[in-house]
PDB file of N, CA and C in Angstrom:
ATOM      1  N   UNK A   1      73.151  62.265  32.849  1.00  0.00           N
ATOM      2  CA  UNK A   1      72.618  62.959  31.694  1.00  0.00           C
ATOM      3  C   UNK A   1      71.272  62.324  31.355  1.00  0.00           C
ATOM      4  N   UNK A   2      70.296  63.159  31.039  1.00  0.00           N
ATOM      5  CA  UNK A   2      68.979  62.674  30.636  1.00  0.00           C
ATOM      6  C   UNK A   2      68.570  63.348  29.331  1.00  0.00           C
ATOM      7  N   UNK A   3      68.008  62.563  28.444  1.00  0.00           N
ATOM      8  CA  UNK A   3      67.533  63.076  27.163  1.00  0.00           C
ATOM      9  C   UNK A   3      66.018  62.979  27.122  1.00  0.00           C
ATOM     10  N   UNK A   4      65.394  64.060  26.691  1.00  0.00           N
ATOM     11  CA  UNK A   4      63.950  64.081  26.461  1.00  0.00           C
ATOM     12  C   UNK A   4      63.734  64.357  24.976  1.00  0.00           C
ATOM     13  N   UNK A   5      62.875  63.557  24.353  1.00  0.00           N
ATOM     14  CA  UNK A   5      62.545  63.730  22.942  1.00  0.00           C
ATOM     15  C   UNK A   5      61.030  63.735  22.801  1.00  0.00           C
ATOM     16  N   UNK A   6      60.526  64.728  22.096  1.00  0.00           N
ATOM     17  CA  UNK A   6      59.089  64.885  21.918  1.00  0.00           C
ATOM     18  C   UNK A   6      58.814  65.061  20.429  1.00  0.00           C
ATOM     19  N   UNK A   7      57.815  64.348  19.933  1.00  0.00           N
ATOM     20  CA  UNK A   7      57.363  64.535  18.559  1.00  0.00           C
ATOM     21  C   UNK A   7      56.038  65.280  18.616  1.00  0.00           C
ATOM     22  N   UNK A   8      56.000  66.431  17.948  1.00  0.00           N
ATOM     23  CA  UNK A   8      54.787  67.250  17.884  1.00  0.00           C
ATOM     24  C   UNK A   8      54.251  67.213  16.463  1.00  0.00           C
ATOM     25  N   UNK A   9      52.945  67.090  16.332  1.00  0.00           N
ATOM     26  CA  UNK A   9      52.278  67.094  15.027  1.00  0.00           C
ATOM     27  C   UNK A   9      51.494  68.387  14.909  1.00  0.00           C
ATOM     28  N   UNK A  10      52.085  69.345  14.204  1.00  0.00           N
ATOM     29  CA  UNK A  10      51.550  70.703  14.110  1.00  0.00           C
ATOM     30  C   UNK A  10      50.756  70.858  12.815  1.00  0.00           C
ATOM     31  N   UNK A  11      49.613  71.493  12.931  1.00  0.00           N
ATOM     32  CA  UNK A  11      48.784  71.793  11.759  1.00  0.00           C
ATOM     33  C   UNK A  11      49.647  72.477  10.698  1.00  0.00           C
ATOM     34  N   UNK A  12      49.659  71.915   9.485  1.00  0.00           N
ATOM     35  CA  UNK A  12      50.506  72.454   8.412  1.00  0.00           C
ATOM     36  C   UNK A  12      50.239  73.936   8.136  1.00  0.00           C
ATOM     37  N   UNK A  13      49.033  74.389   8.365  1.00  0.00           N
ATOM     38  CA  UNK A  13      48.699  75.791   8.121  1.00  0.00           C
ATOM     39  C   UNK A  13      49.243  76.715   9.212  1.00  0.00           C
ATOM     40  N   UNK A  14      49.767  76.147  10.297  1.00  0.00           N
ATOM     41  CA  UNK A  14      50.230  76.966  11.421  1.00  0.00           C
ATOM     42  C   UNK A  14      51.718  76.802  11.721  1.00  0.00           C
ATOM     43  N   UNK A  15      52.480  76.264  10.789  1.00  0.00           N
ATOM     44  CA  UNK A  15      53.886  75.999  11.092  1.00  0.00           C
ATOM     45  C   UNK A  15      54.694  77.277  11.342  1.00  0.00           C
ATOM     46  N   UNK A  16      54.460  78.309  10.567  1.00  0.00           N
ATOM     47  CA  UNK A  16      55.206  79.557  10.775  1.00  0.00           C
ATOM     48  C   UNK A  16      54.897  80.152  12.142  1.00  0.00           C
ATOM     49  N   UNK A  17      53.644  80.135  12.522  1.00  0.00           N
ATOM     50  CA  UNK A  17      53.233  80.665  13.823  1.00  0.00           C
ATOM     51  C   UNK A  17      53.817  79.811  14.954  1.00  0.00           C
ATOM     52  N   UNK A  18      53.796  78.500  14.776  1.00  0.00           N
ATOM     53  CA  UNK A  18      54.370  77.600  15.780  1.00  0.00           C
ATOM     54  C   UNK A  18      55.866  77.868  15.953  1.00  0.00           C
ATOM     55  N   UNK A  19      56.597  77.927  14.839  1.00  0.00           N
ATOM     56  CA  UNK A  19      58.042  78.141  14.918  1.00  0.00           C
ATOM     57  C   UNK A  19      58.371  79.491  15.546  1.00  0.00           C
ATOM     58  N   UNK A  20      57.611  80.515  15.201  1.00  0.00           N
ATOM     59  CA  UNK A  20      57.825  81.838  15.807  1.00  0.00           C
ATOM     60  C   UNK A  20      57.557  81.781  17.306  1.00  0.00           C
ATOM     61  N   UNK A  21      56.504  81.087  17.690  1.00  0.00           N
ATOM     62  CA  UNK A  21      56.185  80.939  19.110  1.00  0.00           C
ATOM     63  C   UNK A  21      57.260  80.179  19.846  1.00  0.00           C
ATOM     64  N   UNK A  22      57.813  79.152  19.215  1.00  0.00           N
ATOM     65  CA  UNK A  22      58.887  78.375  19.834  1.00  0.00           C
ATOM     66  C   UNK A  22      60.089  79.278  20.082  1.00  0.00           C
ATOM     67  N   UNK A  23      60.448  80.079  19.071  1.00  0.00           N
ATOM     68  CA  UNK A  23      61.589  80.995  19.216  1.00  0.00           C
ATOM     69  C   UNK A  23      61.338  82.013  20.335  1.00  0.00           C
ATOM     70  N   UNK A  24      60.115  82.509  20.395  1.00  0.00           N
ATOM     71  CA  UNK A  24      59.780  83.534  21.387  1.00  0.00           C
ATOM     72  C   UNK A  24      59.690  82.979  22.804  1.00  0.00           C
ATOM     73  N   UNK A  25      59.124  81.802  22.970  1.00  0.00           N
ATOM     74  CA  UNK A  25      58.818  81.292  24.310  1.00  0.00           C
ATOM     75  C   UNK A  25      59.797  80.247  24.835  1.00  0.00           C
ATOM     76  N   UNK A  26      60.159  79.272  24.023  1.00  0.00           N
ATOM     77  CA  UNK A  26      60.988  78.177  24.541  1.00  0.00           C
ATOM     78  C   UNK A  26      62.477  78.445  24.382  1.00  0.00           C
ATOM     79  N   UNK A  27      62.886  79.039  23.291  1.00  0.00           N
ATOM     80  CA  UNK A  27      64.314  79.291  23.075  1.00  0.00           C
ATOM     81  C   UNK A  27      64.954  80.085  24.219  1.00  0.00           C
ATOM     82  N   UNK A  28      64.336  81.159  24.712  1.00  0.00           N
ATOM     83  CA  UNK A  28      64.956  81.868  25.846  1.00  0.00           C
ATOM     84  C   UNK A  28      65.098  80.987  27.095  1.00  0.00           C
ATOM     85  N   UNK A  29      64.155  80.089  27.312  1.00  0.00           N
ATOM     86  CA  UNK A  29      64.243  79.169  28.446  1.00  0.00           C
ATOM     87  C   UNK A  29      65.416  78.227  28.253  1.00  0.00           C
ATOM     88  N   UNK A  30      65.583  77.708  27.043  1.00  0.00           N
ATOM     89  CA  UNK A  30      66.724  76.842  26.748  1.00  0.00           C
ATOM     90  C   UNK A  30      68.035  77.565  27.012  1.00  0.00           C
ATOM     91  N   UNK A  31      68.139  78.795  26.522  1.00  0.00           N
ATOM     92  CA  UNK A  31      69.377  79.566  26.696  1.00  0.00           C
ATOM     93  C   UNK A  31      69.660  79.783  28.179  1.00  0.00           C
ATOM     94  N   UNK A  32      68.651  80.158  28.934  1.00  0.00           N
ATOM     95  CA  UNK A  32      68.792  80.361  30.372  1.00  0.00           C
ATOM     96  C   UNK A  32      69.272  79.082  31.061  1.00  0.00           C
ATOM     97  N   UNK A  33      68.633  77.954  30.740  1.00  0.00           N
ATOM     98  CA  UNK A  33      68.994  76.690  31.374  1.00  0.00           C
ATOM     99  C   UNK A  33      70.395  76.238  30.950  1.00  0.00           C
ATOM    100  N   UNK A  34      70.782  76.528  29.717  1.00  0.00           N
ATOM    101  CA  UNK A  34      72.128  76.165  29.283  1.00  0.00           C
ATOM    102  C   UNK A  34      73.173  77.008  30.020  1.00  0.00           C
ATOM    103  N   UNK A  35      72.906  78.299  30.162  1.00  0.00           N
ATOM    104  CA  UNK A  35      73.833  79.169  30.888  1.00  0.00           C
ATOM    105  C   UNK A  35      73.994  78.740  32.341  1.00  0.00           C
ATOM    106  N   UNK A  36      72.958  78.161  32.929  1.00  0.00           N
ATOM    107  CA  UNK A  36      73.000  77.701  34.315  1.00  0.00           C
ATOM    108  C   UNK A  36      73.595  76.296  34.446  1.00  0.00           C
ATOM    109  N   UNK A  37      73.903  75.645  33.324  1.00  0.00           N
ATOM    110  CA  UNK A  37      74.471  74.308  33.358  1.00  0.00           C
ATOM    111  C   UNK A  37      73.444  73.198  33.510  1.00  0.00           C
ATOM    112  N   UNK A  38      72.176  73.551  33.443  1.00  0.00           N
ATOM    113  CA  UNK A  38      71.100  72.566  33.579  1.00  0.00           C
ATOM    114  C   UNK A  38      70.890  71.823  32.258  1.00  0.00           C
ATOM    115  N   UNK A  39      70.979  72.543  31.154  1.00  0.00           N
ATOM    116  CA  UNK A  39      70.735  72.004  29.821  1.00  0.00           C
ATOM    117  C   UNK A  39      72.063  71.878  29.084  1.00  0.00           C
ATOM    118  N   UNK A  40      72.393  70.684  28.628  1.00  0.00           N
ATOM    119  CA  UNK A  40      73.612  70.460  27.863  1.00  0.00           C
ATOM    120  C   UNK A  40      73.432  70.994  26.444  1.00  0.00           C
ATOM    121  N   UNK A  41      72.273  70.744  25.858  1.00  0.00           N
ATOM    122  CA  UNK A  41      71.971  71.194  24.510  1.00  0.00           C
ATOM    123  C   UNK A  41      70.544  70.829  24.153  1.00  0.00           C
ATOM    124  N   UNK A  42      70.027  71.444  23.098  1.00  0.00           N
ATOM    125  CA  UNK A  42      68.649  71.173  22.679  1.00  0.00           C
ATOM    126  C   UNK A  42      68.496  71.571  21.219  1.00  0.00           C
ATOM    127  N   UNK A  43      67.497  70.985  20.568  1.00  0.00           N
ATOM    128  CA  UNK A  43      67.221  71.361  19.182  1.00  0.00           C
ATOM    129  C   UNK A  43      65.754  71.119  18.836  1.00  0.00           C
ATOM    130  N   UNK A  44      65.302  71.878  17.868  1.00  0.00           N
ATOM    131  CA  UNK A  44      63.976  71.726  17.262  1.00  0.00           C
ATOM    132  C   UNK A  44      64.224  71.378  15.803  1.00  0.00           C
ATOM    133  N   UNK A  45      63.645  70.270  15.343  1.00  0.00           N
ATOM    134  CA  UNK A  45      63.858  69.834  13.968  1.00  0.00           C
ATOM    135  C   UNK A  45      62.524  69.614  13.267  1.00  0.00           C
ATOM    136  N   UNK A  46      62.424  70.128  12.039  1.00  0.00           N
ATOM    137  CA  UNK A  46      61.309  69.777  11.168  1.00  0.00           C
ATOM    138  C   UNK A  46      61.599  68.391  10.626  1.00  0.00           C
ATOM    139  N   UNK A  47      60.668  67.484  10.790  1.00  0.00           N
ATOM    140  CA  UNK A  47      60.901  66.099  10.364  1.00  0.00           C
ATOM    141  C   UNK A  47      60.452  65.896   8.920  1.00  0.00           C
ATOM    142  N   UNK A  48      61.361  65.356   8.131  1.00  0.00           N
ATOM    143  CA  UNK A  48      61.061  64.993   6.751  1.00  0.00           C
ATOM    144  C   UNK A  48      60.689  63.523   6.640  1.00  0.00           C
ATOM    145  N   UNK A  49      61.090  62.735   7.627  1.00  0.00           N
ATOM    146  CA  UNK A  49      60.823  61.297   7.651  1.00  0.00           C
ATOM    147  C   UNK A  49      60.172  60.962   8.981  1.00  0.00           C
ATOM    148  N   UNK A  50      59.102  60.161   8.919  1.00  0.00           N
ATOM    149  CA  UNK A  50      58.422  59.734  10.143  1.00  0.00           C
ATOM    150  C   UNK A  50      57.792  58.368   9.906  1.00  0.00           C
ATOM    151  N   UNK A  51      57.953  57.489  10.864  1.00  0.00           N
ATOM    152  CA  UNK A  51      57.284  56.193  10.769  1.00  0.00           C
ATOM    153  C   UNK A  51      55.858  56.283  11.301  1.00  0.00           C
ATOM    154  N   UNK A  52      55.510  57.443  11.849  1.00  0.00           N
ATOM    155  CA  UNK A  52      54.159  57.680  12.383  1.00  0.00           C
ATOM    156  C   UNK A  52      53.628  59.021  11.865  1.00  0.00           C
ATOM    157  N   UNK A  53      53.523  59.204  10.551  1.00  0.00           N
ATOM    158  CA  UNK A  53      53.049  60.489  10.029  1.00  0.00           C
ATOM    159  C   UNK A  53      51.599  60.759  10.445  1.00  0.00           C
ATOM    160  N   UNK A  54      51.251  62.021  10.505  1.00  0.00           N
ATOM    161  CA  UNK A  54      49.890  62.444  10.830  1.00  0.00           C
ATOM    162  C   UNK A  54      49.373  63.288   9.678  1.00  0.00           C
ATOM    163  N   UNK A  55      48.186  62.952   9.198  1.00  0.00           N
ATOM    164  CA  UNK A  55      47.576  63.665   8.081  1.00  0.00           C
ATOM    165  C   UNK A  55      47.385  65.141   8.436  1.00  0.00           C
ATOM    166  N   UNK A  56      47.784  66.013   7.508  1.00  0.00           N
ATOM    167  CA  UNK A  56      47.605  67.453   7.704  1.00  0.00           C
ATOM    168  C   UNK A  56      48.579  68.074   8.679  1.00  0.00           C
ATOM    169  N   UNK A  57      49.615  67.333   9.058  1.00  0.00           N
ATOM    170  CA  UNK A  57      50.542  67.828  10.064  1.00  0.00           C
ATOM    171  C   UNK A  57      51.971  67.887   9.557  1.00  0.00           C
ATOM    172  N   UNK A  58      52.677  68.881  10.022  1.00  0.00           N
ATOM    173  CA  UNK A  58      54.136  68.911   9.926  1.00  0.00           C
ATOM    174  C   UNK A  58      54.628  68.423  11.283  1.00  0.00           C
ATOM    175  N   UNK A  59      55.424  67.383  11.276  1.00  0.00           N
ATOM    176  CA  UNK A  59      55.927  66.882  12.552  1.00  0.00           C
ATOM    177  C   UNK A  59      57.267  67.528  12.883  1.00  0.00           C
ATOM    178  N   UNK A  60      57.447  67.756  14.172  1.00  0.00           N
ATOM    179  CA  UNK A  60      58.676  68.337  14.709  1.00  0.00           C
ATOM    180  C   UNK A  60      59.228  67.408  15.772  1.00  0.00           C
ATOM    181  N   UNK A  61      60.537  67.318  15.810  1.00  0.00           N
ATOM    182  CA  UNK A  61      61.216  66.589  16.869  1.00  0.00           C
ATOM    183  C   UNK A  61      61.898  67.614  17.765  1.00  0.00           C
ATOM    184  N   UNK A  62      61.588  67.561  19.038  1.00  0.00           N
ATOM    185  CA  UNK A  62      62.222  68.419  20.035  1.00  0.00           C
ATOM    186  C   UNK A  62      63.098  67.515  20.890  1.00  0.00           C
ATOM    187  N   UNK A  63      64.374  67.847  20.966  1.00  0.00           N
ATOM    188  CA  UNK A  63      65.302  67.062  21.782  1.00  0.00           C
ATOM    189  C   UNK A  63      65.982  67.996  22.771  1.00  0.00           C
ATOM    190  N   UNK A  64      65.931  67.619  24.037  1.00  0.00           N
ATOM    191  CA  UNK A  64      66.612  68.381  25.083  1.00  0.00           C
ATOM    192  C   UNK A  64      67.497  67.420  25.867  1.00  0.00           C
ATOM    193  N   UNK A  65      68.749  67.797  26.028  1.00  0.00           N
ATOM    194  CA  UNK A  65      69.703  66.980  26.773  1.00  0.00           C
ATOM    195  C   UNK A  65      70.019  67.726  28.067  1.00  0.00           C
ATOM    196  N   UNK A  66      69.627  67.128  29.167  1.00  0.00           N
ATOM    197  CA  UNK A  66      69.811  67.735  30.480  1.00  0.00           C
ATOM    198  C   UNK A  66      71.004  67.112  31.190  1.00  0.00           C
ATOM    199  N   UNK A  67      71.682  67.909  31.991  1.00  0.00           N
ATOM    200  CA  UNK A  67      72.837  67.417  32.739  1.00  0.00           C
ATOM    201  C   UNK A  67      72.427  66.319  33.719  1.00  0.00           C
ATOM    202  N   UNK A  68      71.215  66.446  34.280  1.00  0.00           N
ATOM    203  CA  UNK A  68      70.710  65.470  35.249  1.00  0.00           C
ATOM    204  C   UNK A  68      69.207  65.289  35.049  1.00  0.00           C
ATOM    205  N   UNK A  69      68.683  64.244  35.658  1.00  0.00           N
ATOM    206  CA  UNK A  69      67.231  64.031  35.629  1.00  0.00           C
ATOM    207  C   UNK A  69      66.512  65.205  36.288  1.00  0.00           C
ATOM    208  N   UNK A  70      67.090  65.745  37.350  1.00  0.00           N
ATOM    209  CA  UNK A  70      66.467  66.882  38.043  1.00  0.00           C
ATOM    210  C   UNK A  70      66.321  68.083  37.114  1.00  0.00           C
ATOM    211  N   UNK A  71      67.288  68.268  36.204  1.00  0.00           N
ATOM    212  CA  UNK A  71      67.202  69.372  35.244  1.00  0.00           C
ATOM    213  C   UNK A  71      65.955  69.271  34.383  1.00  0.00           C
ATOM    214  N   UNK A  72      65.609  68.054  33.989  1.00  0.00           N
ATOM    215  CA  UNK A  72      64.399  67.828  33.201  1.00  0.00           C
ATOM    216  C   UNK A  72      63.177  68.275  33.999  1.00  0.00           C
ATOM    217  N   UNK A  73      63.134  67.897  35.273  1.00  0.00           N
ATOM    218  CA  UNK A  73      61.998  68.286  36.121  1.00  0.00           C
ATOM    219  C   UNK A  73      61.966  69.795  36.355  1.00  0.00           C
ATOM    220  N   UNK A  74      63.137  70.410  36.535  1.00  0.00           N
ATOM    221  CA  UNK A  74      63.192  71.873  36.695  1.00  0.00           C
ATOM    222  C   UNK A  74      62.609  72.559  35.464  1.00  0.00           C
ATOM    223  N   UNK A  75      62.975  72.058  34.294  1.00  0.00           N
ATOM    224  CA  UNK A  75      62.450  72.638  33.051  1.00  0.00           C
ATOM    225  C   UNK A  75      60.937  72.500  32.974  1.00  0.00           C
ATOM    226  N   UNK A  76      60.442  71.294  33.242  1.00  0.00           N
ATOM    227  CA  UNK A  76      59.004  71.054  33.101  1.00  0.00           C
ATOM    228  C   UNK A  76      58.175  71.830  34.116  1.00  0.00           C
ATOM    229  N   UNK A  77      58.764  72.180  35.253  1.00  0.00           N
ATOM    230  CA  UNK A  77      58.048  72.974  36.261  1.00  0.00           C
ATOM    231  C   UNK A  77      58.206  74.474  36.059  1.00  0.00           C
ATOM    232  N   UNK A  78      59.087  74.871  35.154  1.00  0.00           N
ATOM    233  CA  UNK A  78      59.344  76.294  34.927  1.00  0.00           C
ATOM    234  C   UNK A  78      58.100  76.962  34.340  1.00  0.00           C
ATOM    235  N   UNK A  79      57.650  78.084  34.915  1.00  0.00           N
ATOM    236  CA  UNK A  79      56.436  78.756  34.416  1.00  0.00           C
ATOM    237  C   UNK A  79      56.524  79.175  32.952  1.00  0.00           C
ATOM    238  N   UNK A  80      57.727  79.493  32.477  1.00  0.00           N
ATOM    239  CA  UNK A  80      57.879  79.877  31.059  1.00  0.00           C
ATOM    240  C   UNK A  80      57.566  78.687  30.160  1.00  0.00           C
ATOM    241  N   UNK A  81      58.084  77.513  30.530  1.00  0.00           N
ATOM    242  CA  UNK A  81      57.789  76.318  29.742  1.00  0.00           C
ATOM    243  C   UNK A  81      56.316  75.961  29.848  1.00  0.00           C
ATOM    244  N   UNK A  82      55.741  76.023  31.024  1.00  0.00           N
ATOM    245  CA  UNK A  82      54.335  75.667  31.198  1.00  0.00           C
ATOM    246  C   UNK A  82      53.433  76.555  30.334  1.00  0.00           C
ATOM    247  N   UNK A  83      53.763  77.844  30.257  1.00  0.00           N
ATOM    248  CA  UNK A  83      52.991  78.752  29.391  1.00  0.00           C
ATOM    249  C   UNK A  83      53.140  78.332  27.925  1.00  0.00           C
ATOM    250  N   UNK A  84      54.376  78.079  27.494  1.00  0.00           N
ATOM    251  CA  UNK A  84      54.609  77.676  26.112  1.00  0.00           C
ATOM    252  C   UNK A  84      53.943  76.336  25.815  1.00  0.00           C
ATOM    253  N   UNK A  85      54.015  75.406  26.739  1.00  0.00           N
ATOM    254  CA  UNK A  85      53.420  74.086  26.538  1.00  0.00           C
ATOM    255  C   UNK A  85      51.921  74.200  26.249  1.00  0.00           C
ATOM    256  N   UNK A  86      51.246  75.069  26.967  1.00  0.00           N
ATOM    257  CA  UNK A  86      49.804  75.274  26.715  1.00  0.00           C
ATOM    258  C   UNK A  86      49.568  75.891  25.345  1.00  0.00           C
ATOM    259  N   UNK A  87      50.391  76.871  24.980  1.00  0.00           N
ATOM    260  CA  UNK A  87      50.258  77.487  23.653  1.00  0.00           C
ATOM    261  C   UNK A  87      50.556  76.477  22.551  1.00  0.00           C
ATOM    262  N   UNK A  88      51.602  75.694  22.729  1.00  0.00           N
ATOM    263  CA  UNK A  88      52.003  74.714  21.712  1.00  0.00           C
ATOM    264  C   UNK A  88      50.914  73.677  21.481  1.00  0.00           C
ATOM    265  N   UNK A  89      50.196  73.315  22.534  1.00  0.00           N
ATOM    266  CA  UNK A  89      49.104  72.351  22.387  1.00  0.00           C
ATOM    267  C   UNK A  89      48.062  72.826  21.381  1.00  0.00           C
ATOM    268  N   UNK A  90      47.857  74.137  21.302  1.00  0.00           N
ATOM    269  CA  UNK A  90      46.821  74.666  20.407  1.00  0.00           C
ATOM    270  C   UNK A  90      47.175  74.492  18.929  1.00  0.00           C
ATOM    271  N   UNK A  91      48.439  74.244  18.613  1.00  0.00           N
ATOM    272  CA  UNK A  91      48.874  74.061  17.228  1.00  0.00           C
ATOM    273  C   UNK A  91      48.794  72.605  16.776  1.00  0.00           C
ATOM    274  N   UNK A  92      48.628  71.691  17.705  1.00  0.00           N
ATOM    275  CA  UNK A  92      48.756  70.270  17.393  1.00  0.00           C
ATOM    276  C   UNK A  92      47.450  69.634  16.912  1.00  0.00           C
ATOM    277  N   UNK A  93      47.598  68.756  15.922  1.00  0.00           N
ATOM    278  CA  UNK A  93      46.444  68.039  15.371  1.00  0.00           C
ATOM    279  C   UNK A  93      46.383  66.592  15.859  1.00  0.00           C
ATOM    280  N   UNK A  94      47.360  66.203  16.652  1.00  0.00           N
ATOM    281  CA  UNK A  94      47.413  64.852  17.229  1.00  0.00           C
ATOM    282  C   UNK A  94      48.183  64.947  18.542  1.00  0.00           C
ATOM    283  N   UNK A  95      47.948  64.005  19.436  1.00  0.00           N
ATOM    284  CA  UNK A  95      48.684  64.033  20.703  1.00  0.00           C
ATOM    285  C   UNK A  95      50.198  63.948  20.491  1.00  0.00           C
ATOM    286  N   UNK A  96      50.930  64.638  21.336  1.00  0.00           N
ATOM    287  CA  UNK A  96      52.388  64.577  21.291  1.00  0.00           C
ATOM    288  C   UNK A  96      52.851  63.189  21.735  1.00  0.00           C
ATOM    289  N   UNK A  97      54.011  62.805  21.236  1.00  0.00           N
ATOM    290  CA  UNK A  97      54.656  61.572  21.697  1.00  0.00           C
ATOM    291  C   UNK A  97      55.910  62.000  22.445  1.00  0.00           C
ATOM    292  N   UNK A  98      56.042  61.609  23.703  1.00  0.00           N
ATOM    293  CA  UNK A  98      57.173  62.031  24.523  1.00  0.00           C
ATOM    294  C   UNK A  98      57.950  60.826  25.033  1.00  0.00           C
ATOM    295  N   UNK A  99      59.260  60.983  25.065  1.00  0.00           N
ATOM    296  CA  UNK A  99      60.159  59.928  25.509  1.00  0.00           C
ATOM    297  C   UNK A  99      61.275  60.583  26.320  1.00  0.00           C
ATOM    298  N   UNK A 100      61.692  59.957  27.406  1.00  0.00           N
ATOM    299  CA  UNK A 100      62.801  60.497  28.194  1.00  0.00           C
ATOM    300  C   UNK A 100      63.449  59.379  28.976  1.00  0.00           C
ATOM    301  N   UNK A 101      64.716  59.569  29.280  1.00  0.00           N
ATOM    302  CA  UNK A 101      65.406  58.590  30.094  1.00  0.00           C
ATOM    303  C   UNK A 101      66.866  58.927  30.270  1.00  0.00           C
ATOM    304  N   UNK A 102      67.486  58.177  31.147  1.00  0.00           N
ATOM    305  CA  UNK A 102      68.902  58.349  31.462  1.00  0.00           C
ATOM    306  C   UNK A 102      69.766  57.855  30.310  1.00  0.00           C
ATOM    307  N   UNK A 103      70.789  58.607  29.998  1.00  0.00           N
ATOM    308  CA  UNK A 103      71.727  58.228  28.950  1.00  0.00           C
ATOM    309  C   UNK A 103      72.649  57.124  29.466  1.00  0.00           C
ATOM    310  N   UNK A 104      72.782  56.064  28.685  1.00  0.00           N
ATOM    311  CA  UNK A 104      73.668  54.977  29.099  1.00  0.00           C
ATOM    312  C   UNK A 104      74.926  54.890  28.220  1.00  0.00           C
ATOM    313  N   UNK A 105      74.876  55.397  26.994  1.00  0.00           N
ATOM    314  CA  UNK A 105      76.031  55.483  26.116  1.00  0.00           C
ATOM    315  C   UNK A 105      75.993  56.816  25.416  1.00  0.00           C
ATOM    316  N   UNK A 106      77.164  57.368  25.148  1.00  0.00           N
ATOM    317  CA  UNK A 106      77.205  58.643  24.423  1.00  0.00           C
ATOM    318  C   UNK A 106      78.536  58.780  23.694  1.00  0.00           C
ATOM    319  N   UNK A 107      78.518  59.599  22.660  1.00  0.00           N
ATOM    320  CA  UNK A 107      79.714  59.955  21.916  1.00  0.00           C
ATOM    321  C   UNK A 107      79.624  61.443  21.630  1.00  0.00           C
ATOM    322  N   UNK A 108      80.659  62.182  21.931  1.00  0.00           N
ATOM    323  CA  UNK A 108      80.724  63.590  21.557  1.00  0.00           C
ATOM    324  C   UNK A 108      79.888  64.542  22.392  1.00  0.00           C
ATOM    325  N   UNK A 109      79.371  64.121  23.502  1.00  0.00           N
ATOM    326  CA  UNK A 109      78.613  65.027  24.383  1.00  0.00           C
ATOM    327  C   UNK A 109      79.362  65.162  25.693  1.00  0.00           C
ATOM    328  N   UNK A 110      79.414  66.394  26.247  1.00  0.00           N
ATOM    329  CA  UNK A 110      80.105  66.560  27.524  1.00  0.00           C
ATOM    330  C   UNK A 110      79.280  66.012  28.661  1.00  0.00           C
TER     331      UNK A 110
END
């Protein structure tokens, strides 16, 4: 199992457009990957607390839990994600922070 977590700093004036774009572009990819057994689960969260706040930004936490490390790579190479990734960059006021790695302990996840 591999978990990828990304913090995005989206221009506060564009949060509705960003969230709509996420629903339109990334959510269908998540659903497809989950149906194929590649993605265990994923979520998009509006962050109310951040130790690294960005001025003028609403921060979002994106978490994707993949069945394997290869699933993460399949997702990142998927043309649907690549298109969304380019669009999502246009909403950001600061560089994204990305973290990923193999799960070593878990509770409540298949």
